Structure formats: C-alpha cells, structure tokens
Amino acid sequence: MTHQPDTTAPTAPLLCAVVGTVLMAVGGMLFVNVNEDPEFFIVLTVAFTAPGLYLLITGAVAHGIRLARP
C-alpha cells in the first residue's frame, strides 16, 4: 500500500472562515428586518446563518488540525 501525503491547501481554513463570517453577517442583517415580514425574513435568516455557522466551525476545526500537524 502506498503512503499518500496528508497535505491540505493552506488557504482552505481561512477561506471557510471568511465565507462563514460573511454569511453570518448577511444573516444578521436579515434578522434585523424580521418585523417587516416575519415568515420571509426568518427563512432567509436561517438560510444564510446555518451555512455560515457550519463554515465558520469547519474553518476553525480545519485550522486547528493544520496547526496540530508537524
């Protein structure tokens, strides 16, 4: 069996964190308008915030894994 190197792209954790932060900010701006049309803006808030939170956590975990490797 061959040994495959465990290399990752150095920008992947940073890119995930930046995109996640932008999505969380957009979700927060949509949440401010919840008084206008609650059903519509809650759906949009969740649609932007959930992937943003996922990408933010994924970027942090990937960065931690990258730092822990020798």
N, C-alpha and C. Protein backbone atom coordinates (compact mmCIF):
# COMPACT_ATOMS: atom_id res chain seq x y z
N MET A 1 0.84 -1.17 0.00
CA MET A 1 0.00 0.00 0.00
C MET A 1 0.89 1.23 0.00
N THR A 2 0.52 2.20 -0.79
CA THR A 2 1.33 3.42 -0.89
C THR A 2 0.90 4.43 0.16
N HIS A 3 1.85 5.21 0.54
CA HIS A 3 1.59 6.26 1.53
C HIS A 3 1.25 7.55 0.78
N GLN A 4 0.07 8.07 1.04
CA GLN A 4 -0.34 9.32 0.40
C GLN A 4 -0.08 10.47 1.38
N PRO A 5 0.49 11.53 0.90
CA PRO A 5 0.80 12.65 1.81
C PRO A 5 -0.48 13.31 2.32
N ASP A 6 -0.41 13.74 3.56
CA ASP A 6 -1.55 14.42 4.19
C ASP A 6 -1.37 15.93 4.06
N THR A 7 -1.47 16.42 2.86
CA THR A 7 -1.31 17.86 2.66
C THR A 7 -2.67 18.47 2.36
N THR A 8 -2.87 19.66 2.88
CA THR A 8 -4.09 20.40 2.60
C THR A 8 -3.71 21.75 2.02
N ALA A 9 -4.65 22.33 1.35
CA ALA A 9 -4.41 23.66 0.81
C ALA A 9 -4.32 24.65 1.97
N PRO A 10 -3.30 25.50 2.01
CA PRO A 10 -3.14 26.39 3.15
C PRO A 10 -4.23 27.46 3.27
N THR A 11 -4.94 27.72 2.19
CA THR A 11 -5.97 28.77 2.24
C THR A 11 -7.35 28.22 2.55
N ALA A 12 -7.53 26.92 2.58
CA ALA A 12 -8.87 26.35 2.79
C ALA A 12 -9.47 26.75 4.14
N PRO A 13 -8.76 26.65 5.26
CA PRO A 13 -9.38 27.07 6.53
C PRO A 13 -9.72 28.56 6.56
N LEU A 14 -8.85 29.37 6.03
CA LEU A 14 -9.10 30.80 6.01
C LEU A 14 -10.29 31.14 5.12
N LEU A 15 -10.38 30.50 3.97
CA LEU A 15 -11.49 30.75 3.06
C LEU A 15 -12.81 30.34 3.70
N CYS A 16 -12.84 29.19 4.35
CA CYS A 16 -14.06 28.75 5.04
C CYS A 16 -14.46 29.74 6.12
N ALA A 17 -13.51 30.22 6.88
CA ALA A 17 -13.81 31.15 7.96
C ALA A 17 -14.32 32.49 7.42
N VAL A 18 -13.73 32.98 6.36
CA VAL A 18 -14.14 34.27 5.80
C VAL A 18 -15.53 34.17 5.18
N VAL A 19 -15.78 33.12 4.41
CA VAL A 19 -17.10 32.96 3.80
C VAL A 19 -18.15 32.73 4.88
N GLY A 20 -17.82 31.97 5.91
CA GLY A 20 -18.74 31.76 7.01
C GLY A 20 -19.08 33.04 7.74
N THR A 21 -18.07 33.89 7.94
CA THR A 21 -18.30 35.16 8.61
C THR A 21 -19.19 36.08 7.77
N VAL A 22 -18.97 36.09 6.47
CA VAL A 22 -19.80 36.91 5.58
C VAL A 22 -21.25 36.42 5.60
N LEU A 23 -21.45 35.11 5.54
CA LEU A 23 -22.81 34.57 5.58
C LEU A 23 -23.49 34.87 6.92
N MET A 24 -22.73 34.79 8.01
CA MET A 24 -23.31 35.12 9.31
C MET A 24 -23.69 36.61 9.37
N ALA A 25 -22.89 37.48 8.78
CA ALA A 25 -23.20 38.91 8.76
C ALA A 25 -24.45 39.19 7.93
N VAL A 26 -24.58 38.52 6.79
CA VAL A 26 -25.79 38.69 5.97
C VAL A 26 -27.01 38.18 6.72
N GLY A 27 -26.87 37.05 7.40
CA GLY A 27 -27.97 36.52 8.20
C GLY A 27 -28.36 37.47 9.32
N GLY A 28 -27.39 38.10 9.94
CA GLY A 28 -27.68 39.08 10.98
C GLY A 28 -28.39 40.31 10.44
N MET A 29 -27.99 40.77 9.25
CA MET A 29 -28.68 41.91 8.65
C MET A 29 -30.11 41.56 8.28
N LEU A 30 -30.34 40.33 7.85
CA LEU A 30 -31.70 39.91 7.53
C LEU A 30 -32.54 39.77 8.80
N PHE A 31 -31.93 39.37 9.90
CA PHE A 31 -32.66 39.22 11.16
C PHE A 31 -33.14 40.56 11.69
N VAL A 32 -32.43 41.62 11.36
CA VAL A 32 -32.84 42.96 11.81
C VAL A 32 -34.18 43.34 11.19
N ASN A 33 -34.46 42.86 9.98
CA ASN A 33 -35.70 43.20 9.28
C ASN A 33 -36.84 42.25 9.57
N VAL A 34 -36.76 41.50 10.65
CA VAL A 34 -37.77 40.47 10.93
C VAL A 34 -39.15 41.08 11.19
N ASN A 35 -39.23 42.35 11.56
CA ASN A 35 -40.53 42.99 11.82
C ASN A 35 -41.31 43.28 10.54
N GLU A 36 -40.62 43.35 9.42
CA GLU A 36 -41.30 43.65 8.15
C GLU A 36 -42.22 42.50 7.72
N ASP A 37 -41.66 41.33 7.54
CA ASP A 37 -42.42 40.13 7.15
C ASP A 37 -41.76 38.95 7.86
N PRO A 38 -42.25 38.58 9.03
CA PRO A 38 -41.55 37.61 9.87
C PRO A 38 -41.27 36.27 9.20
N GLU A 39 -42.24 35.71 8.50
CA GLU A 39 -42.03 34.39 7.90
C GLU A 39 -40.91 34.43 6.85
N PHE A 40 -40.94 35.43 6.02
CA PHE A 40 -39.96 35.54 4.94
C PHE A 40 -38.55 35.77 5.48
N PHE A 41 -38.42 36.70 6.42
CA PHE A 41 -37.09 37.05 6.90
C PHE A 41 -36.51 36.00 7.84
N ILE A 42 -37.35 35.26 8.56
CA ILE A 42 -36.82 34.17 9.39
C ILE A 42 -36.27 33.07 8.50
N VAL A 43 -36.98 32.76 7.41
CA VAL A 43 -36.48 31.73 6.48
C VAL A 43 -35.16 32.17 5.86
N LEU A 44 -35.08 33.42 5.43
CA LEU A 44 -33.83 33.91 4.85
C LEU A 44 -32.71 33.96 5.88
N THR A 45 -33.02 34.34 7.11
CA THR A 45 -32.02 34.37 8.16
C THR A 45 -31.44 32.99 8.40
N VAL A 46 -32.29 32.00 8.50
CA VAL A 46 -31.81 30.63 8.72
C VAL A 46 -31.06 30.13 7.49
N ALA A 47 -31.52 30.49 6.30
CA ALA A 47 -30.86 30.04 5.07
C ALA A 47 -29.44 30.59 4.94
N PHE A 48 -29.18 31.77 5.48
CA PHE A 48 -27.84 32.33 5.41
C PHE A 48 -27.00 32.01 6.66
N THR A 49 -27.63 31.97 7.82
CA THR A 49 -26.89 31.81 9.06
C THR A 49 -26.43 30.36 9.28
N ALA A 50 -27.25 29.39 8.94
CA ALA A 50 -26.88 27.99 9.17
C ALA A 50 -25.64 27.58 8.37
N PRO A 51 -25.58 27.83 7.06
CA PRO A 51 -24.33 27.51 6.36
C PRO A 51 -23.15 28.35 6.84
N GLY A 52 -23.41 29.59 7.24
CA GLY A 52 -22.34 30.44 7.75
C GLY A 52 -21.74 29.88 9.02
N LEU A 53 -22.60 29.43 9.93
CA LEU A 53 -22.11 28.83 11.17
C LEU A 53 -21.34 27.54 10.89
N TYR A 54 -21.87 26.74 9.97
CA TYR A 54 -21.19 25.50 9.60
C TYR A 54 -19.80 25.78 9.03
N LEU A 55 -19.71 26.73 8.11
CA LEU A 55 -18.41 27.05 7.51
C LEU A 55 -17.46 27.67 8.52
N LEU A 56 -17.98 28.45 9.44
CA LEU A 56 -17.12 29.05 10.47
C LEU A 56 -16.53 27.98 11.38
N ILE A 57 -17.35 27.03 11.81
CA ILE A 57 -16.85 25.93 12.65
C ILE A 57 -15.91 25.03 11.86
N THR A 58 -16.26 24.73 10.60
CA THR A 58 -15.40 23.90 9.77
C THR A 58 -14.04 24.55 9.55
N GLY A 59 -14.02 25.84 9.30
CA GLY A 59 -12.76 26.55 9.12
C GLY A 59 -11.91 26.53 10.38
N ALA A 60 -12.54 26.68 11.54
CA ALA A 60 -11.79 26.65 12.80
C ALA A 60 -11.21 25.27 13.07
N VAL A 61 -11.99 24.23 12.82
CA VAL A 61 -11.50 22.87 13.03
C VAL A 61 -10.38 22.55 12.04
N ALA A 62 -10.55 22.94 10.79
CA ALA A 62 -9.50 22.68 9.79
C ALA A 62 -8.22 23.43 10.14
N HIS A 63 -8.36 24.64 10.65
CA HIS A 63 -7.18 25.41 11.05
C HIS A 63 -6.49 24.74 12.24
N GLY A 64 -7.27 24.24 13.19
CA GLY A 64 -6.70 23.54 14.34
C GLY A 64 -5.98 22.26 13.93
N ILE A 65 -6.57 21.52 13.00
CA ILE A 65 -5.93 20.30 12.52
C ILE A 65 -4.63 20.64 11.80
N ARG A 66 -4.65 21.70 11.01
CA ARG A 66 -3.45 22.11 10.27
C ARG A 66 -2.34 22.55 11.22
N LEU A 67 -2.70 23.21 12.31
CA LEU A 67 -1.69 23.64 13.27
C LEU A 67 -1.15 22.47 14.08
N ALA A 68 -1.96 21.45 14.30
CA ALA A 68 -1.54 20.32 15.12
C ALA A 68 -0.60 19.38 14.38
N ARG A 69 -0.63 19.42 13.06
CA ARG A 69 0.27 18.54 12.28
C ARG A 69 1.68 19.07 12.33
N PRO A 70 2.64 18.18 12.34
CA PRO A 70 4.04 18.64 12.39
C PRO A 70 4.51 19.24 11.08
